[in-house]
Amino acid sequence: MRTPMQADDQALIEKLRARDKAAFATLVRELHGSLVRVAMMFVKSRATAEEIAQDTWGSAHASLDQFEGPSWLQMLFASEAR
């Protein structure tokens, strides 16, 4: 199954950097569950895990012009999870 976060997907990266709403919605739809699952490894409540994921998406949206791929999103996630 192909996901938008493949490192070779330059078209998606360009759309995200251009603040394409549909591209961002696709990114969230495909990766939100994964962010929550990873957050659940560090916190006890699902509500807190959801909050960390939402904060990550807020940070991501605010800095989409800097989007570089999976490592960029992981860095934002780690920052929010602290």
PDB file of N, CA and C in Angstrom:
ATOM      1  N   MET A   1       0.837  -1.190   0.000  1.00  0.00           N
ATOM      2  CA  MET A   1       0.000   0.000   0.000  1.00  0.00           C
ATOM      3  C   MET A   1       0.875   1.243   0.000  1.00  0.00           C
ATOM      4  N   ARG A   2       0.623   2.117  -0.900  1.00  0.00           N
ATOM      5  CA  ARG A   2       1.409   3.337  -1.036  1.00  0.00           C
ATOM      6  C   ARG A   2       0.859   4.397  -0.096  1.00  0.00           C
ATOM      7  N   THR A   3       1.730   5.080   0.612  1.00  0.00           N
ATOM      8  CA  THR A   3       1.315   6.157   1.495  1.00  0.00           C
ATOM      9  C   THR A   3       1.952   7.454   1.035  1.00  0.00           C
ATOM     10  N   PRO A   4       1.416   8.598   1.461  1.00  0.00           N
ATOM     11  CA  PRO A   4       1.964   9.870   1.008  1.00  0.00           C
ATOM     12  C   PRO A   4       3.315  10.177   1.626  1.00  0.00           C
ATOM     13  N   MET A   5       3.758   9.394   2.592  1.00  0.00           N
ATOM     14  CA  MET A   5       4.996   9.695   3.279  1.00  0.00           C
ATOM     15  C   MET A   5       6.206   8.963   2.712  1.00  0.00           C
ATOM     16  N   GLN A   6       6.089   8.359   1.549  1.00  0.00           N
ATOM     17  CA  GLN A   6       7.253   7.724   0.954  1.00  0.00           C
ATOM     18  C   GLN A   6       8.263   8.812   0.619  1.00  0.00           C
ATOM     19  N   ALA A   7       9.518   8.513   0.907  1.00  0.00           N
ATOM     20  CA  ALA A   7      10.578   9.508   0.728  1.00  0.00           C
ATOM     21  C   ALA A   7      10.672  10.013  -0.705  1.00  0.00           C
ATOM     22  N   ASP A   8      10.269   9.199  -1.675  1.00  0.00           N
ATOM     23  CA  ASP A   8      10.407   9.587  -3.078  1.00  0.00           C
ATOM     24  C   ASP A   8       9.205  10.362  -3.605  1.00  0.00           C
ATOM     25  N   ASP A   9       8.280  10.718  -2.779  1.00  0.00           N
ATOM     26  CA  ASP A   9       7.077  11.395  -3.259  1.00  0.00           C
ATOM     27  C   ASP A   9       7.281  12.907  -3.277  1.00  0.00           C
ATOM     28  N   GLN A  10       8.086  13.370  -4.205  1.00  0.00           N
ATOM     29  CA  GLN A  10       8.410  14.788  -4.326  1.00  0.00           C
ATOM     30  C   GLN A  10       7.172  15.633  -4.625  1.00  0.00           C
ATOM     31  N   ALA A  11       6.228  15.083  -5.376  1.00  0.00           N
ATOM     32  CA  ALA A  11       5.022  15.844  -5.719  1.00  0.00           C
ATOM     33  C   ALA A  11       4.228  16.199  -4.464  1.00  0.00           C
ATOM     34  N   LEU A  12       4.084  15.237  -3.555  1.00  0.00           N
ATOM     35  CA  LEU A  12       3.359  15.517  -2.324  1.00  0.00           C
ATOM     36  C   LEU A  12       4.111  16.550  -1.484  1.00  0.00           C
ATOM     37  N   ILE A  13       5.408  16.399  -1.392  1.00  0.00           N
ATOM     38  CA  ILE A  13       6.211  17.348  -0.620  1.00  0.00           C
ATOM     39  C   ILE A  13       6.032  18.755  -1.171  1.00  0.00           C
ATOM     40  N   GLU A  14       6.059  18.895  -2.472  1.00  0.00           N
ATOM     41  CA  GLU A  14       5.876  20.213  -3.087  1.00  0.00           C
ATOM     42  C   GLU A  14       4.482  20.767  -2.799  1.00  0.00           C
ATOM     43  N   LYS A  15       3.465  19.907  -2.859  1.00  0.00           N
ATOM     44  CA  LYS A  15       2.103  20.356  -2.551  1.00  0.00           C
ATOM     45  C   LYS A  15       1.982  20.796  -1.099  1.00  0.00           C
ATOM     46  N   LEU A  16       2.587  20.044  -0.193  1.00  0.00           N
ATOM     47  CA  LEU A  16       2.533  20.410   1.220  1.00  0.00           C
ATOM     48  C   LEU A  16       3.246  21.727   1.467  1.00  0.00           C
ATOM     49  N   ARG A  17       4.397  21.908   0.868  1.00  0.00           N
ATOM     50  CA  ARG A  17       5.138  23.166   1.017  1.00  0.00           C
ATOM     51  C   ARG A  17       4.352  24.344   0.466  1.00  0.00           C
ATOM     52  N   ALA A  18       3.515  24.081  -0.540  1.00  0.00           N
ATOM     53  CA  ALA A  18       2.671  25.127  -1.125  1.00  0.00           C
ATOM     54  C   ALA A  18       1.368  25.298  -0.343  1.00  0.00           C
ATOM     55  N   ARG A  19       1.252  24.592   0.779  1.00  0.00           N
ATOM     56  CA  ARG A  19       0.086  24.660   1.662  1.00  0.00           C
ATOM     57  C   ARG A  19      -1.205  24.168   1.006  1.00  0.00           C
ATOM     58  N   ASP A  20      -1.081  23.145   0.201  1.00  0.00           N
ATOM     59  CA  ASP A  20      -2.238  22.532  -0.441  1.00  0.00           C
ATOM     60  C   ASP A  20      -3.090  21.849   0.627  1.00  0.00           C
ATOM     61  N   LYS A  21      -4.335  22.315   0.787  1.00  0.00           N
ATOM     62  CA  LYS A  21      -5.218  21.790   1.839  1.00  0.00           C
ATOM     63  C   LYS A  21      -5.536  20.310   1.654  1.00  0.00           C
ATOM     64  N   ALA A  22      -5.752  19.897   0.426  1.00  0.00           N
ATOM     65  CA  ALA A  22      -6.076  18.486   0.166  1.00  0.00           C
ATOM     66  C   ALA A  22      -4.888  17.584   0.498  1.00  0.00           C
ATOM     67  N   ALA A  23      -3.688  18.035   0.194  1.00  0.00           N
ATOM     68  CA  ALA A  23      -2.493  17.244   0.505  1.00  0.00           C
ATOM     69  C   ALA A  23      -2.326  17.115   2.013  1.00  0.00           C
ATOM     70  N   PHE A  24      -2.575  18.200   2.738  1.00  0.00           N
ATOM     71  CA  PHE A  24      -2.458  18.145   4.199  1.00  0.00           C
ATOM     72  C   PHE A  24      -3.535  17.227   4.784  1.00  0.00           C
ATOM     73  N   ALA A  25      -4.744  17.305   4.262  1.00  0.00           N
ATOM     74  CA  ALA A  25      -5.824  16.433   4.734  1.00  0.00           C
ATOM     75  C   ALA A  25      -5.477  14.964   4.489  1.00  0.00           C
ATOM     76  N   THR A  26      -4.875  14.668   3.349  1.00  0.00           N
ATOM     77  CA  THR A  26      -4.452  13.295   3.053  1.00  0.00           C
ATOM     78  C   THR A  26      -3.399  12.839   4.046  1.00  0.00           C
ATOM     79  N   LEU A  27      -2.439  13.700   4.315  1.00  0.00           N
ATOM     80  CA  LEU A  27      -1.377  13.384   5.268  1.00  0.00           C
ATOM     81  C   LEU A  27      -1.959  13.063   6.643  1.00  0.00           C
ATOM     82  N   VAL A  28      -2.856  13.911   7.106  1.00  0.00           N
ATOM     83  CA  VAL A  28      -3.485  13.699   8.416  1.00  0.00           C
ATOM     84  C   VAL A  28      -4.293  12.403   8.414  1.00  0.00           C
ATOM     85  N   ARG A  29      -5.100  12.213   7.399  1.00  0.00           N
ATOM     86  CA  ARG A  29      -5.958  11.020   7.324  1.00  0.00           C
ATOM     87  C   ARG A  29      -5.115   9.735   7.355  1.00  0.00           C
ATOM     88  N   GLU A  30      -4.014   9.733   6.653  1.00  0.00           N
ATOM     89  CA  GLU A  30      -3.212   8.515   6.554  1.00  0.00           C
ATOM     90  C   GLU A  30      -2.277   8.298   7.736  1.00  0.00           C
ATOM     91  N   LEU A  31      -1.912   9.356   8.460  1.00  0.00           N
ATOM     92  CA  LEU A  31      -0.911   9.191   9.513  1.00  0.00           C
ATOM     93  C   LEU A  31      -1.384   9.487  10.930  1.00  0.00           C
ATOM     94  N   HIS A  32      -2.580  10.025  11.087  1.00  0.00           N
ATOM     95  CA  HIS A  32      -3.052  10.377  12.426  1.00  0.00           C
ATOM     96  C   HIS A  32      -3.091   9.162  13.361  1.00  0.00           C
ATOM     97  N   GLY A  33      -3.640   8.064  12.888  1.00  0.00           N
ATOM     98  CA  GLY A  33      -3.722   6.859  13.714  1.00  0.00           C
ATOM     99  C   GLY A  33      -2.353   6.384  14.170  1.00  0.00           C
ATOM    100  N   SER A  34      -1.377   6.463  13.283  1.00  0.00           N
ATOM    101  CA  SER A  34      -0.015   6.057  13.640  1.00  0.00           C
ATOM    102  C   SER A  34       0.565   6.963  14.715  1.00  0.00           C
ATOM    103  N   LEU A  35       0.334   8.261  14.580  1.00  0.00           N
ATOM    104  CA  LEU A  35       0.833   9.188  15.604  1.00  0.00           C
ATOM    105  C   LEU A  35       0.220   8.877  16.961  1.00  0.00           C
ATOM    106  N   VAL A  36      -1.066   8.620  16.984  1.00  0.00           N
ATOM    107  CA  VAL A  36      -1.745   8.306  18.242  1.00  0.00           C
ATOM    108  C   VAL A  36      -1.202   7.009  18.832  1.00  0.00           C
ATOM    109  N   ARG A  37      -1.016   5.992  17.996  1.00  0.00           N
ATOM    110  CA  ARG A  37      -0.485   4.714  18.492  1.00  0.00           C
ATOM    111  C   ARG A  37       0.912   4.881  19.096  1.00  0.00           C
ATOM    112  N   VAL A  38       1.762   5.647  18.453  1.00  0.00           N
ATOM    113  CA  VAL A  38       3.105   5.875  18.998  1.00  0.00           C
ATOM    114  C   VAL A  38       3.010   6.665  20.297  1.00  0.00           C
ATOM    115  N   ALA A  39       2.164   7.666  20.339  1.00  0.00           N
ATOM    116  CA  ALA A  39       2.002   8.458  21.561  1.00  0.00           C
ATOM    117  C   ALA A  39       1.519   7.587  22.717  1.00  0.00           C
ATOM    118  N   MET A  40       0.681   6.601  22.412  1.00  0.00           N
ATOM    119  CA  MET A  40       0.169   5.705  23.460  1.00  0.00           C
ATOM    120  C   MET A  40       1.284   4.878  24.102  1.00  0.00           C
ATOM    121  N   MET A  41       2.415   4.770  23.438  1.00  0.00           N
ATOM    122  CA  MET A  41       3.557   4.061  24.029  1.00  0.00           C
ATOM    123  C   MET A  41       4.197   4.876  25.155  1.00  0.00           C
ATOM    124  N   PHE A  42       3.932   6.177  25.157  1.00  0.00           N
ATOM    125  CA  PHE A  42       4.582   7.068  26.113  1.00  0.00           C
ATOM    126  C   PHE A  42       3.647   7.630  27.176  1.00  0.00           C
ATOM    127  N   VAL A  43       2.367   7.626  26.897  1.00  0.00           N
ATOM    128  CA  VAL A  43       1.385   8.164  27.848  1.00  0.00           C
ATOM    129  C   VAL A  43       0.329   7.105  28.135  1.00  0.00           C
ATOM    130  N   LYS A  44      -0.365   7.261  29.253  1.00  0.00           N
ATOM    131  CA  LYS A  44      -1.340   6.239  29.651  1.00  0.00           C
ATOM    132  C   LYS A  44      -2.731   6.444  29.075  1.00  0.00           C
ATOM    133  N   SER A  45      -3.078   7.686  28.791  1.00  0.00           N
ATOM    134  CA  SER A  45      -4.459   7.908  28.343  1.00  0.00           C
ATOM    135  C   SER A  45      -4.541   8.189  26.847  1.00  0.00           C
ATOM    136  N   ARG A  46      -5.583   7.670  26.252  1.00  0.00           N
ATOM    137  CA  ARG A  46      -5.816   7.923  24.820  1.00  0.00           C
ATOM    138  C   ARG A  46      -6.062   9.402  24.582  1.00  0.00           C
ATOM    139  N   ALA A  47      -6.733  10.058  25.508  1.00  0.00           N
ATOM    140  CA  ALA A  47      -7.008  11.488  25.342  1.00  0.00           C
ATOM    141  C   ALA A  47      -5.704  12.280  25.256  1.00  0.00           C
ATOM    142  N   THR A  48      -4.738  11.935  26.087  1.00  0.00           N
ATOM    143  CA  THR A  48      -3.455  12.626  26.051  1.00  0.00           C
ATOM    144  C   THR A  48      -2.718  12.315  24.753  1.00  0.00           C
ATOM    145  N   ALA A  49      -2.799  11.073  24.310  1.00  0.00           N
ATOM    146  CA  ALA A  49      -2.168  10.682  23.040  1.00  0.00           C
ATOM    147  C   ALA A  49      -2.788  11.457  21.877  1.00  0.00           C
ATOM    148  N   GLU A  50      -4.103  11.594  21.884  1.00  0.00           N
ATOM    149  CA  GLU A  50      -4.803  12.369  20.841  1.00  0.00           C
ATOM    150  C   GLU A  50      -4.360  13.828  20.884  1.00  0.00           C
ATOM    151  N   GLU A  51      -4.200  14.358  22.086  1.00  0.00           N
ATOM    152  CA  GLU A  51      -3.771  15.751  22.237  1.00  0.00           C
ATOM    153  C   GLU A  51      -2.371  15.951  21.660  1.00  0.00           C
ATOM    154  N   ILE A  52      -1.474  15.018  21.935  1.00  0.00           N
ATOM    155  CA  ILE A  52      -0.117  15.100  21.387  1.00  0.00           C
ATOM    156  C   ILE A  52      -0.177  15.065  19.855  1.00  0.00           C
ATOM    157  N   ALA A  53      -0.986  14.175  19.313  1.00  0.00           N
ATOM    158  CA  ALA A  53      -1.114  14.080  17.852  1.00  0.00           C
ATOM    159  C   ALA A  53      -1.679  15.377  17.281  1.00  0.00           C
ATOM    160  N   GLN A  54      -2.708  15.921  17.911  1.00  0.00           N
ATOM    161  CA  GLN A  54      -3.301  17.174  17.430  1.00  0.00           C
ATOM    162  C   GLN A  54      -2.300  18.322  17.496  1.00  0.00           C
ATOM    163  N   ASP A  55      -1.535  18.383  18.574  1.00  0.00           N
ATOM    164  CA  ASP A  55      -0.519  19.428  18.698  1.00  0.00           C
ATOM    165  C   ASP A  55       0.545  19.279  17.606  1.00  0.00           C
ATOM    166  N   THR A  56       0.880  18.030  17.292  1.00  0.00           N
ATOM    167  CA  THR A  56       1.843  17.770  16.219  1.00  0.00           C
ATOM    168  C   THR A  56       1.303  18.280  14.895  1.00  0.00           C
ATOM    169  N   TRP A  57       0.021  18.000  14.617  1.00  0.00           N
ATOM    170  CA  TRP A  57      -0.567  18.477  13.364  1.00  0.00           C
ATOM    171  C   TRP A  57      -0.623  19.995  13.321  1.00  0.00           C
ATOM    172  N   GLY A  58      -0.889  20.625  14.461  1.00  0.00           N
ATOM    173  CA  GLY A  58      -0.897  22.090  14.499  1.00  0.00           C
ATOM    174  C   GLY A  58       0.476  22.654  14.175  1.00  0.00           C
ATOM    175  N   SER A  59       1.509  22.069  14.767  1.00  0.00           N
ATOM    176  CA  SER A  59       2.877  22.501  14.475  1.00  0.00           C
ATOM    177  C   SER A  59       3.233  22.252  13.016  1.00  0.00           C
ATOM    178  N   ALA A  60       2.807  21.110  12.516  1.00  0.00           N
ATOM    179  CA  ALA A  60       3.092  20.768  11.113  1.00  0.00           C
ATOM    180  C   ALA A  60       2.429  21.775  10.184  1.00  0.00           C
ATOM    181  N   HIS A  61       1.176  22.079  10.445  1.00  0.00           N
ATOM    182  CA  HIS A  61       0.447  23.011   9.580  1.00  0.00           C
ATOM    183  C   HIS A  61       1.090  24.389   9.599  1.00  0.00           C
ATOM    184  N   ALA A  62       1.553  24.809  10.770  1.00  0.00           N
ATOM    185  CA  ALA A  62       2.161  26.133  10.909  1.00  0.00           C
ATOM    186  C   ALA A  62       3.493  26.251  10.166  1.00  0.00           C
ATOM    187  N   SER A  63       4.124  25.126   9.908  1.00  0.00           N
ATOM    188  CA  SER A  63       5.445  25.188   9.268  1.00  0.00           C
ATOM    189  C   SER A  63       5.536  24.304   8.026  1.00  0.00           C
ATOM    190  N   LEU A  64       4.441  24.193   7.288  1.00  0.00           N
ATOM    191  CA  LEU A  64       4.421  23.331   6.101  1.00  0.00           C
ATOM    192  C   LEU A  64       5.441  23.740   5.049  1.00  0.00           C
ATOM    193  N   ASP A  65       5.780  25.006   5.005  1.00  0.00           N
ATOM    194  CA  ASP A  65       6.759  25.443   4.012  1.00  0.00           C
ATOM    195  C   ASP A  65       8.135  24.816   4.250  1.00  0.00           C
ATOM    196  N   GLN A  66       8.323  24.208   5.412  1.00  0.00           N
ATOM    197  CA  GLN A  66       9.590  23.558   5.754  1.00  0.00           C
ATOM    198  C   GLN A  66       9.489  22.028   5.664  1.00  0.00           C
ATOM    199  N   PHE A  67       8.364  21.519   5.215  1.00  0.00           N
ATOM    200  CA  PHE A  67       8.142  20.072   5.170  1.00  0.00           C
ATOM    201  C   PHE A  67       9.252  19.377   4.403  1.00  0.00           C
ATOM    202  N   GLU A  68       9.806  18.322   5.002  1.00  0.00           N
ATOM    203  CA  GLU A  68      10.891  17.573   4.369  1.00  0.00           C
ATOM    204  C   GLU A  68      10.610  16.074   4.288  1.00  0.00           C
ATOM    205  N   GLY A  69       9.539  15.610   4.862  1.00  0.00           N
ATOM    206  CA  GLY A  69       9.231  14.190   4.815  1.00  0.00           C
ATOM    207  C   GLY A  69       9.052  13.601   6.193  1.00  0.00           C
ATOM    208  N   PRO A  70       9.115  12.279   6.295  1.00  0.00           N
ATOM    209  CA  PRO A  70       8.819  11.591   7.551  1.00  0.00           C
ATOM    210  C   PRO A  70       9.670  12.050   8.728  1.00  0.00           C
ATOM    211  N   SER A  71      10.949  12.272   8.513  1.00  0.00           N
ATOM    212  CA  SER A  71      11.809  12.659   9.640  1.00  0.00           C
ATOM    213  C   SER A  71      11.397  14.010  10.209  1.00  0.00           C
ATOM    214  N   TRP A  72      10.930  14.892   9.363  1.00  0.00           N
ATOM    215  CA  TRP A  72      10.472  16.210   9.800  1.00  0.00           C
ATOM    216  C   TRP A  72       9.254  16.068  10.713  1.00  0.00           C
ATOM    217  N   LEU A  73       8.302  15.229  10.302  1.00  0.00           N
ATOM    218  CA  LEU A  73       7.102  15.014  11.108  1.00  0.00           C
ATOM    219  C   LEU A  73       7.463  14.324  12.426  1.00  0.00           C
ATOM    220  N   GLN A  74       8.377  13.375  12.377  1.00  0.00           N
ATOM    221  CA  GLN A  74       8.822  12.691  13.595  1.00  0.00           C
ATOM    222  C   GLN A  74       9.485  13.666  14.567  1.00  0.00           C
ATOM    223  N   MET A  75      10.247  14.604  14.042  1.00  0.00           N
ATOM    224  CA  MET A  75      10.892  15.605  14.889  1.00  0.00           C
ATOM    225  C   MET A  75       9.847  16.484  15.580  1.00  0.00           C
ATOM    226  N   LEU A  76       8.829  16.896  14.830  1.00  0.00           N
ATOM    227  CA  LEU A  76       7.750  17.688  15.435  1.00  0.00           C
ATOM    228  C   LEU A  76       7.026  16.889  16.503  1.00  0.00           C
ATOM    229  N   PHE A  77       6.774  15.630  16.214  1.00  0.00           N
ATOM    230  CA  PHE A  77       6.089  14.760  17.159  1.00  0.00           C
ATOM    231  C   PHE A  77       6.897  14.635  18.449  1.00  0.00           C
ATOM    232  N   ALA A  78       8.193  14.389  18.325  1.00  0.00           N
ATOM    233  CA  ALA A  78       9.051  14.247  19.511  1.00  0.00           C
ATOM    234  C   ALA A  78       9.038  15.526  20.339  1.00  0.00           C
ATOM    235  N   SER A  79       9.030  16.654  19.670  1.00  0.00           N
ATOM    236  CA  SER A  79       8.990  17.935  20.372  1.00  0.00           C
ATOM    237  C   SER A  79       7.689  18.105  21.137  1.00  0.00           C
ATOM    238  N   GLU A  80       6.582  17.730  20.528  1.00  0.00           N
ATOM    239  CA  GLU A  80       5.270  17.861  21.179  1.00  0.00           C
ATOM    240  C   GLU A  80       5.099  16.861  22.320  1.00  0.00           C
ATOM    241  N   ALA A  81       5.708  15.706  22.203  1.00  0.00           N
ATOM    242  CA  ALA A  81       5.543  14.648  23.196  1.00  0.00           C
ATOM    243  C   ALA A  81       6.312  14.920  24.498  1.00  0.00           C
ATOM    244  N   ARG A  82       7.249  15.840  24.460  1.00  0.00           N
ATOM    245  CA  ARG A  82       8.049  16.144  25.654  1.00  0.00           C
ATOM    246  C   ARG A  82       7.271  16.787  26.719  1.00  0.00           C
TER     247      ARG A  82
END
